[in-house]
Amino acid sequence: MSCNLSPMNGMLTIYRGEGDLSTPIEDAMSWTLSKEVAMFFAKRFSSKGTCYKAKVYLQDIYDYLPERNEQEILVDFCSLENIKKLNT
């Protein structure tokens, strides 16, 4: 993977917004570097969405897709650390 990411201590903080129709967090690969983007996806279809925050090592990221202004990160759930549900 070739990208211009700046990890802290080798890890990035990533976010995931999950709504009623979203793939469950354990099966999802799509995360973002932006808390705002995650909140958008959490609340896109319902006010009952959930936002998560996690850490991941740079070497565990499959791809970084900066297109569409989503700052999308593709990663396997098993590679995530310190997963926390955020208040939305």
PDB file of N, CA and C in Angstrom:
ATOM      1  N   MET A   1       0.848  -1.169   0.000  1.00  0.00           N
ATOM      2  CA  MET A   1       0.000   0.000   0.000  1.00  0.00           C
ATOM      3  C   MET A   1       0.891   1.228   0.000  1.00  0.00           C
ATOM      4  N   SER A   2       0.612   2.117  -0.890  1.00  0.00           N
ATOM      5  CA  SER A   2       1.356   3.360  -0.963  1.00  0.00           C
ATOM      6  C   SER A   2       0.405   4.505  -0.647  1.00  0.00           C
ATOM      7  N   CYS A   3       0.652   5.175   0.468  1.00  0.00           N
ATOM      8  CA  CYS A   3      -0.193   6.303   0.831  1.00  0.00           C
ATOM      9  C   CYS A   3       0.594   7.257   1.703  1.00  0.00           C
ATOM     10  N   ASN A   4       0.020   8.377   1.975  1.00  0.00           N
ATOM     11  CA  ASN A   4       0.681   9.424   2.704  1.00  0.00           C
ATOM     12  C   ASN A   4       0.049   9.573   4.089  1.00  0.00           C
ATOM     13  N   LEU A   5       0.024   8.513   4.856  1.00  0.00           N
ATOM     14  CA  LEU A   5      -0.593   8.531   6.179  1.00  0.00           C
ATOM     15  C   LEU A   5       0.476   8.753   7.239  1.00  0.00           C
ATOM     16  N   SER A   6       0.099   9.391   8.317  1.00  0.00           N
ATOM     17  CA  SER A   6       1.037   9.689   9.395  1.00  0.00           C
ATOM     18  C   SER A   6       0.593   9.006  10.684  1.00  0.00           C
ATOM     19  N   PRO A   7       1.062   7.789  10.923  1.00  0.00           N
ATOM     20  CA  PRO A   7       0.658   7.087  12.144  1.00  0.00           C
ATOM     21  C   PRO A   7       1.368   7.639  13.375  1.00  0.00           C
ATOM     22  N   MET A   8       0.729   7.511  14.523  1.00  0.00           N
ATOM     23  CA  MET A   8       1.348   7.858  15.796  1.00  0.00           C
ATOM     24  C   MET A   8       1.711   6.546  16.477  1.00  0.00           C
ATOM     25  N   ASN A   9       2.974   6.373  16.801  1.00  0.00           N
ATOM     26  CA  ASN A   9       3.461   5.123  17.404  1.00  0.00           C
ATOM     27  C   ASN A   9       3.130   3.925  16.523  1.00  0.00           C
ATOM     28  N   GLY A  10       3.143   4.125  15.209  1.00  0.00           N
ATOM     29  CA  GLY A  10       2.876   3.037  14.271  1.00  0.00           C
ATOM     30  C   GLY A  10       1.408   2.727  14.073  1.00  0.00           C
ATOM     31  N   MET A  11       0.508   3.475  14.737  1.00  0.00           N
ATOM     32  CA  MET A  11      -0.923   3.194  14.645  1.00  0.00           C
ATOM     33  C   MET A  11      -1.703   4.418  14.174  1.00  0.00           C
ATOM     34  N   LEU A  12      -2.795   4.138  13.492  1.00  0.00           N
ATOM     35  CA  LEU A  12      -3.732   5.183  13.070  1.00  0.00           C
ATOM     36  C   LEU A  12      -5.020   5.049  13.866  1.00  0.00           C
ATOM     37  N   THR A  13      -5.671   6.161  14.120  1.00  0.00           N
ATOM     38  CA  THR A  13      -7.013   6.157  14.686  1.00  0.00           C
ATOM     39  C   THR A  13      -7.981   6.188  13.519  1.00  0.00           C
ATOM     40  N   ILE A  14      -8.926   5.258  13.518  1.00  0.00           N
ATOM     41  CA  ILE A  14      -9.919   5.173  12.451  1.00  0.00           C
ATOM     42  C   ILE A  14     -11.316   5.122  13.055  1.00  0.00           C
ATOM     43  N   TYR A  15     -12.321   5.403  12.221  1.00  0.00           N
ATOM     44  CA  TYR A  15     -13.711   5.487  12.672  1.00  0.00           C
ATOM     45  C   TYR A  15     -14.618   4.725  11.712  1.00  0.00           C
ATOM     46  N   ARG A  16     -15.755   4.289  12.236  1.00  0.00           N
ATOM     47  CA  ARG A  16     -16.770   3.627  11.401  1.00  0.00           C
ATOM     48  C   ARG A  16     -18.146   4.075  11.855  1.00  0.00           C
ATOM     49  N   GLY A  17     -18.940   4.508  10.898  1.00  0.00           N
ATOM     50  CA  GLY A  17     -20.327   4.840  11.166  1.00  0.00           C
ATOM     51  C   GLY A  17     -21.202   3.702  10.708  1.00  0.00           C
ATOM     52  N   GLU A  18     -22.117   3.282  11.564  1.00  0.00           N
ATOM     53  CA  GLU A  18     -22.956   2.121  11.271  1.00  0.00           C
ATOM     54  C   GLU A  18     -24.417   2.475  11.508  1.00  0.00           C
ATOM     55  N   GLY A  19     -25.232   2.268  10.479  1.00  0.00           N
ATOM     56  CA  GLY A  19     -26.668   2.489  10.578  1.00  0.00           C
ATOM     57  C   GLY A  19     -27.414   1.173  10.558  1.00  0.00           C
ATOM     58  N   ASP A  20     -28.736   1.252  10.504  1.00  0.00           N
ATOM     59  CA  ASP A  20     -29.585   0.057  10.512  1.00  0.00           C
ATOM     60  C   ASP A  20     -29.286  -0.906   9.370  1.00  0.00           C
ATOM     61  N   LEU A  21     -28.916  -0.381   8.208  1.00  0.00           N
ATOM     62  CA  LEU A  21     -28.695  -1.215   7.028  1.00  0.00           C
ATOM     63  C   LEU A  21     -27.224  -1.536   6.793  1.00  0.00           C
ATOM     64  N   SER A  22     -26.345  -1.124   7.674  1.00  0.00           N
ATOM     65  CA  SER A  22     -24.910  -1.333   7.501  1.00  0.00           C
ATOM     66  C   SER A  22     -24.494  -2.764   7.810  1.00  0.00           C
ATOM     67  N   THR A  23     -23.383  -3.152   7.230  1.00  0.00           N
ATOM     68  CA  THR A  23     -22.751  -4.428   7.571  1.00  0.00           C
ATOM     69  C   THR A  23     -22.296  -4.340   9.025  1.00  0.00           C
ATOM     70  N   PRO A  24     -22.537  -5.372   9.833  1.00  0.00           N
ATOM     71  CA  PRO A  24     -22.103  -5.340  11.238  1.00  0.00           C
ATOM     72  C   PRO A  24     -20.593  -5.118  11.341  1.00  0.00           C
ATOM     73  N   ILE A  25     -20.178  -4.458  12.390  1.00  0.00           N
ATOM     74  CA  ILE A  25     -18.783  -4.080  12.574  1.00  0.00           C
ATOM     75  C   ILE A  25     -17.816  -5.267  12.453  1.00  0.00           C
ATOM     76  N   GLU A  26     -18.207  -6.429  12.927  1.00  0.00           N
ATOM     77  CA  GLU A  26     -17.330  -7.603  12.894  1.00  0.00           C
ATOM     78  C   GLU A  26     -17.080  -8.100  11.470  1.00  0.00           C
ATOM     79  N   ASP A  27     -17.971  -7.759  10.539  1.00  0.00           N
ATOM     80  CA  ASP A  27     -17.862  -8.212   9.157  1.00  0.00           C
ATOM     81  C   ASP A  27     -17.448  -7.094   8.203  1.00  0.00           C
ATOM     82  N   ALA A  28     -17.342  -5.877   8.699  1.00  0.00           N
ATOM     83  CA  ALA A  28     -17.082  -4.719   7.844  1.00  0.00           C
ATOM     84  C   ALA A  28     -15.585  -4.487   7.665  1.00  0.00           C
ATOM     85  N   MET A  29     -15.216  -4.032   6.480  1.00  0.00           N
ATOM     86  CA  MET A  29     -13.820  -3.691   6.193  1.00  0.00           C
ATOM     87  C   MET A  29     -13.633  -2.197   5.997  1.00  0.00           C
ATOM     88  N   SER A  30     -14.701  -1.473   5.801  1.00  0.00           N
ATOM     89  CA  SER A  30     -14.631  -0.060   5.449  1.00  0.00           C
ATOM     90  C   SER A  30     -14.673   0.832   6.683  1.00  0.00           C
ATOM     91  N   TRP A  31     -13.591   1.575   6.898  1.00  0.00           N
ATOM     92  CA  TRP A  31     -13.450   2.527   7.977  1.00  0.00           C
ATOM     93  C   TRP A  31     -12.998   3.848   7.377  1.00  0.00           C
ATOM     94  N   THR A  32     -12.840   4.870   8.183  1.00  0.00           N
ATOM     95  CA  THR A  32     -12.410   6.171   7.689  1.00  0.00           C
ATOM     96  C   THR A  32     -11.466   6.829   8.692  1.00  0.00           C
ATOM     97  N   LEU A  33     -10.664   7.737   8.184  1.00  0.00           N
ATOM     98  CA  LEU A  33      -9.801   8.541   9.055  1.00  0.00           C
ATOM     99  C   LEU A  33     -10.561   9.696   9.684  1.00  0.00           C
ATOM    100  N   SER A  34     -11.786   9.954   9.208  1.00  0.00           N
ATOM    101  CA  SER A  34     -12.551  11.128   9.615  1.00  0.00           C
ATOM    102  C   SER A  34     -13.730  10.759  10.519  1.00  0.00           C
ATOM    103  N   LYS A  35     -13.748  11.331  11.702  1.00  0.00           N
ATOM    104  CA  LYS A  35     -14.881  11.120  12.605  1.00  0.00           C
ATOM    105  C   LYS A  35     -16.154  11.703  11.996  1.00  0.00           C
ATOM    106  N   GLU A  36     -16.040  12.829  11.299  1.00  0.00           N
ATOM    107  CA  GLU A  36     -17.196  13.474  10.677  1.00  0.00           C
ATOM    108  C   GLU A  36     -17.812  12.592   9.586  1.00  0.00           C
ATOM    109  N   VAL A  37     -16.975  11.954   8.789  1.00  0.00           N
ATOM    110  CA  VAL A  37     -17.471  11.039   7.754  1.00  0.00           C
ATOM    111  C   VAL A  37     -18.182   9.859   8.411  1.00  0.00           C
ATOM    112  N   ALA A  38     -17.597   9.316   9.461  1.00  0.00           N
ATOM    113  CA  ALA A  38     -18.232   8.197  10.168  1.00  0.00           C
ATOM    114  C   ALA A  38     -19.584   8.603  10.743  1.00  0.00           C
ATOM    115  N   MET A  39     -19.666   9.790  11.313  1.00  0.00           N
ATOM    116  CA  MET A  39     -20.934  10.269  11.862  1.00  0.00           C
ATOM    117  C   MET A  39     -21.983  10.433  10.763  1.00  0.00           C
ATOM    118  N   PHE A  40     -21.558  10.899   9.596  1.00  0.00           N
ATOM    119  CA  PHE A  40     -22.479  11.024   8.466  1.00  0.00           C
ATOM    120  C   PHE A  40     -23.088   9.665   8.122  1.00  0.00           C
ATOM    121  N   PHE A  41     -22.242   8.636   8.006  1.00  0.00           N
ATOM    122  CA  PHE A  41     -22.747   7.310   7.656  1.00  0.00           C
ATOM    123  C   PHE A  41     -23.582   6.701   8.781  1.00  0.00           C
ATOM    124  N   ALA A  42     -23.275   7.015  10.012  1.00  0.00           N
ATOM    125  CA  ALA A  42     -24.062   6.508  11.138  1.00  0.00           C
ATOM    126  C   ALA A  42     -25.467   7.095  11.141  1.00  0.00           C
ATOM    127  N   LYS A  43     -25.594   8.347  10.740  1.00  0.00           N
ATOM    128  CA  LYS A  43     -26.881   9.057  10.811  1.00  0.00           C
ATOM    129  C   LYS A  43     -27.554   9.231   9.452  1.00  0.00           C
ATOM    130  N   ARG A  44     -26.998   8.646   8.411  1.00  0.00           N
ATOM    131  CA  ARG A  44     -27.495   8.874   7.050  1.00  0.00           C
ATOM    132  C   ARG A  44     -28.961   8.525   6.880  1.00  0.00           C
ATOM    133  N   PHE A  45     -29.416   7.402   7.411  1.00  0.00           N
ATOM    134  CA  PHE A  45     -30.800   6.963   7.202  1.00  0.00           C
ATOM    135  C   PHE A  45     -31.639   6.963   8.473  1.00  0.00           C
ATOM    136  N   SER A  46     -30.989   7.127   9.616  1.00  0.00           N
ATOM    137  CA  SER A  46     -31.709   7.053  10.883  1.00  0.00           C
ATOM    138  C   SER A  46     -30.903   7.772  11.967  1.00  0.00           C
ATOM    139  N   SER A  47     -31.577   8.285  12.947  1.00  0.00           N
ATOM    140  CA  SER A  47     -30.868   8.935  14.052  1.00  0.00           C
ATOM    141  C   SER A  47     -30.332   7.916  15.056  1.00  0.00           C
ATOM    142  N   LYS A  48     -30.575   6.631  14.806  1.00  0.00           N
ATOM    143  CA  LYS A  48     -30.158   5.577  15.729  1.00  0.00           C
ATOM    144  C   LYS A  48     -28.805   4.969  15.375  1.00  0.00           C
ATOM    145  N   GLY A  49     -28.032   5.614  14.525  1.00  0.00           N
ATOM    146  CA  GLY A  49     -26.747   5.068  14.109  1.00  0.00           C
ATOM    147  C   GLY A  49     -25.723   5.035  15.227  1.00  0.00           C
ATOM    148  N   THR A  50     -24.663   4.281  14.979  1.00  0.00           N
ATOM    149  CA  THR A  50     -23.588   4.106  15.938  1.00  0.00           C
ATOM    150  C   THR A  50     -22.269   4.476  15.286  1.00  0.00           C
ATOM    151  N   CYS A  51     -21.390   5.070  16.055  1.00  0.00           N
ATOM    152  CA  CYS A  51     -20.061   5.420  15.560  1.00  0.00           C
ATOM    153  C   CYS A  51     -19.031   4.721  16.442  1.00  0.00           C
ATOM    154  N   TYR A  52     -18.012   4.136  15.798  1.00  0.00           N
ATOM    155  CA  TYR A  52     -16.946   3.437  16.504  1.00  0.00           C
ATOM    156  C   TYR A  52     -15.611   4.105  16.219  1.00  0.00           C
ATOM    157  N   LYS A  53     -14.709   3.952  17.163  1.00  0.00           N
ATOM    158  CA  LYS A  53     -13.343   4.440  17.030  1.00  0.00           C
ATOM    159  C   LYS A  53     -12.426   3.257  17.328  1.00  0.00           C
ATOM    160  N   ALA A  54     -11.347   3.116  16.570  1.00  0.00           N
ATOM    161  CA  ALA A  54     -10.412   2.011  16.792  1.00  0.00           C
ATOM    162  C   ALA A  54      -9.013   2.444  16.393  1.00  0.00           C
ATOM    163  N   LYS A  55      -8.058   1.631  16.730  1.00  0.00           N
ATOM    164  CA  LYS A  55      -6.664   1.828  16.336  1.00  0.00           C
ATOM    165  C   LYS A  55      -6.258   0.652  15.448  1.00  0.00           C
ATOM    166  N   VAL A  56      -5.365   0.952  14.492  1.00  0.00           N
ATOM    167  CA  VAL A  56      -4.866  -0.091  13.605  1.00  0.00           C
ATOM    168  C   VAL A  56      -3.425   0.242  13.230  1.00  0.00           C
ATOM    169  N   TYR A  57      -2.592  -0.783  13.151  1.00  0.00           N
ATOM    170  CA  TYR A  57      -1.220  -0.592  12.689  1.00  0.00           C
ATOM    171  C   TYR A  57      -1.219  -0.358  11.188  1.00  0.00           C
ATOM    172  N   LEU A  58      -0.364   0.518  10.747  1.00  0.00           N
ATOM    173  CA  LEU A  58      -0.276   0.869   9.335  1.00  0.00           C
ATOM    174  C   LEU A  58      -0.077  -0.368   8.459  1.00  0.00           C
ATOM    175  N   GLN A  59       0.731  -1.304   8.897  1.00  0.00           N
ATOM    176  CA  GLN A  59       1.000  -2.495   8.086  1.00  0.00           C
ATOM    177  C   GLN A  59      -0.212  -3.428   7.970  1.00  0.00           C
ATOM    178  N   ASP A  60      -1.233  -3.237   8.810  1.00  0.00           N
ATOM    179  CA  ASP A  60      -2.441  -4.079   8.757  1.00  0.00           C
ATOM    180  C   ASP A  60      -3.533  -3.505   7.860  1.00  0.00           C
ATOM    181  N   ILE A  61      -3.292  -2.347   7.286  1.00  0.00           N
ATOM    182  CA  ILE A  61      -4.273  -1.721   6.396  1.00  0.00           C
ATOM    183  C   ILE A  61      -4.124  -2.301   4.995  1.00  0.00           C
ATOM    184  N   TYR A  62      -5.244  -2.766   4.434  1.00  0.00           N
ATOM    185  CA  TYR A  62      -5.223  -3.315   3.076  1.00  0.00           C
ATOM    186  C   TYR A  62      -5.096  -2.223   2.027  1.00  0.00           C
ATOM    187  N   ASP A  63      -5.829  -1.128   2.225  1.00  0.00           N
ATOM    188  CA  ASP A  63      -5.807  -0.059   1.229  1.00  0.00           C
ATOM    189  C   ASP A  63      -6.312   1.236   1.847  1.00  0.00           C
ATOM    190  N   TYR A  64      -5.908   2.332   1.231  1.00  0.00           N
ATOM    191  CA  TYR A  64      -6.382   3.661   1.594  1.00  0.00           C
ATOM    192  C   TYR A  64      -6.973   4.270   0.339  1.00  0.00           C
ATOM    193  N   LEU A  65      -8.243   4.654   0.395  1.00  0.00           N
ATOM    194  CA  LEU A  65      -8.964   5.172  -0.764  1.00  0.00           C
ATOM    195  C   LEU A  65      -9.406   6.608  -0.489  1.00  0.00           C
ATOM    196  N   PRO A  66      -8.595   7.575  -0.857  1.00  0.00           N
ATOM    197  CA  PRO A  66      -8.933   8.968  -0.552  1.00  0.00           C
ATOM    198  C   PRO A  66      -9.995   9.573  -1.477  1.00  0.00           C
ATOM    199  N   GLU A  67     -10.391   8.856  -2.512  1.00  0.00           N
ATOM    200  CA  GLU A  67     -11.401   9.366  -3.444  1.00  0.00           C
ATOM    201  C   GLU A  67     -12.735   9.596  -2.735  1.00  0.00           C
ATOM    202  N   ARG A  68     -13.579  10.398  -3.310  1.00  0.00           N
ATOM    203  CA  ARG A  68     -14.928  10.700  -2.820  1.00  0.00           C
ATOM    204  C   ARG A  68     -14.926  11.412  -1.476  1.00  0.00           C
ATOM    205  N   ASN A  69     -13.779  11.934  -1.070  1.00  0.00           N
ATOM    206  CA  ASN A  69     -13.672  12.680   0.193  1.00  0.00           C
ATOM    207  C   ASN A  69     -14.110  11.873   1.415  1.00  0.00           C
ATOM    208  N   GLU A  70     -13.934  10.557   1.371  1.00  0.00           N
ATOM    209  CA  GLU A  70     -14.328   9.715   2.496  1.00  0.00           C
ATOM    210  C   GLU A  70     -13.142   9.243   3.331  1.00  0.00           C
ATOM    211  N   GLN A  71     -11.917   9.444   2.837  1.00  0.00           N
ATOM    212  CA  GLN A  71     -10.715   8.995   3.548  1.00  0.00           C
ATOM    213  C   GLN A  71     -10.847   7.538   3.997  1.00  0.00           C
ATOM    214  N   GLU A  72     -11.320   6.700   3.086  1.00  0.00           N
ATOM    215  CA  GLU A  72     -11.649   5.317   3.410  1.00  0.00           C
ATOM    216  C   GLU A  72     -10.405   4.459   3.631  1.00  0.00           C
ATOM    217  N   ILE A  73     -10.474   3.659   4.681  1.00  0.00           N
ATOM    218  CA  ILE A  73      -9.435   2.703   5.048  1.00  0.00           C
ATOM    219  C   ILE A  73     -10.064   1.311   4.999  1.00  0.00           C
ATOM    220  N   LEU A  74      -9.405   0.375   4.321  1.00  0.00           N
ATOM    221  CA  LEU A  74      -9.885  -1.007   4.294  1.00  0.00           C
ATOM    222  C   LEU A  74      -9.020  -1.843   5.223  1.00  0.00           C
ATOM    223  N   VAL A  75      -9.672  -2.494   6.177  1.00  0.00           N
ATOM    224  CA  VAL A  75      -8.949  -3.234   7.203  1.00  0.00           C
ATOM    225  C   VAL A  75      -9.814  -4.388   7.712  1.00  0.00           C
ATOM    226  N   ASP A  76      -9.167  -5.456   8.129  1.00  0.00           N
ATOM    227  CA  ASP A  76      -9.864  -6.606   8.714  1.00  0.00           C
ATOM    228  C   ASP A  76     -10.163  -6.312  10.186  1.00  0.00           C
ATOM    229  N   PHE A  77     -11.352  -6.649  10.627  1.00  0.00           N
ATOM    230  CA  PHE A  77     -11.774  -6.413  12.010  1.00  0.00           C
ATOM    231  C   PHE A  77     -10.787  -7.009  13.019  1.00  0.00           C
ATOM    232  N   CYS A  78     -10.217  -8.159  12.697  1.00  0.00           N
ATOM    233  CA  CYS A  78      -9.286  -8.836  13.615  1.00  0.00           C
ATOM    234  C   CYS A  78      -8.004  -8.034  13.849  1.00  0.00           C
ATOM    235  N   SER A  79      -7.713  -7.088  12.979  1.00  0.00           N
ATOM    236  CA  SER A  79      -6.512  -6.258  13.109  1.00  0.00           C
ATOM    237  C   SER A  79      -6.724  -5.030  13.991  1.00  0.00           C
ATOM    238  N   LEU A  80      -7.954  -4.783  14.381  1.00  0.00           N
ATOM    239  CA  LEU A  80      -8.271  -3.573  15.140  1.00  0.00           C
ATOM    240  C   LEU A  80      -7.974  -3.739  16.630  1.00  0.00           C
ATOM    241  N   GLU A  81      -7.578  -2.623  17.252  1.00  0.00           N
ATOM    242  CA  GLU A  81      -7.329  -2.597  18.679  1.00  0.00           C
ATOM    243  C   GLU A  81      -8.078  -1.441  19.309  1.00  0.00           C
ATOM    244  N   ASN A  82      -8.353  -1.556  20.583  1.00  0.00           N
ATOM    245  CA  ASN A  82      -9.001  -0.479  21.350  1.00  0.00           C
ATOM    246  C   ASN A  82     -10.294   0.013  20.701  1.00  0.00           C
ATOM    247  N   ILE A  83     -11.147  -0.889  20.300  1.00  0.00           N
ATOM    248  CA  ILE A  83     -12.420  -0.514  19.680  1.00  0.00           C
ATOM    249  C   ILE A  83     -13.348   0.072  20.753  1.00  0.00           C
ATOM    250  N   LYS A  84     -13.860   1.263  20.448  1.00  0.00           N
ATOM    251  CA  LYS A  84     -14.759   1.926  21.398  1.00  0.00           C
ATOM    252  C   LYS A  84     -15.982   2.441  20.665  1.00  0.00           C
ATOM    253  N   LYS A  85     -17.128   2.281  21.292  1.00  0.00           N
ATOM    254  CA  LYS A  85     -18.361   2.854  20.777  1.00  0.00           C
ATOM    255  C   LYS A  85     -18.431   4.291  21.275  1.00  0.00           C
ATOM    256  N   LEU A  86     -18.635   5.222  20.349  1.00  0.00           N
ATOM    257  CA  LEU A  86     -18.692   6.631  20.697  1.00  0.00           C
ATOM    258  C   LEU A  86     -20.132   7.071  20.938  1.00  0.00           C
ATOM    259  N   ASN A  87     -20.301   8.070  21.722  1.00  0.00           N
ATOM    260  CA  ASN A  87     -21.628   8.672  21.920  1.00  0.00           C
ATOM    261  C   ASN A  87     -21.981   9.454  20.652  1.00  0.00           C
ATOM    262  N   THR A  88     -23.180   9.213  20.132  1.00  0.00           N
ATOM    263  CA  THR A  88     -23.604   9.915  18.909  1.00  0.00           C
ATOM    264  C   THR A  88     -24.785  10.807  19.197  1.00  0.00           C
TER     265      THR A  88
END
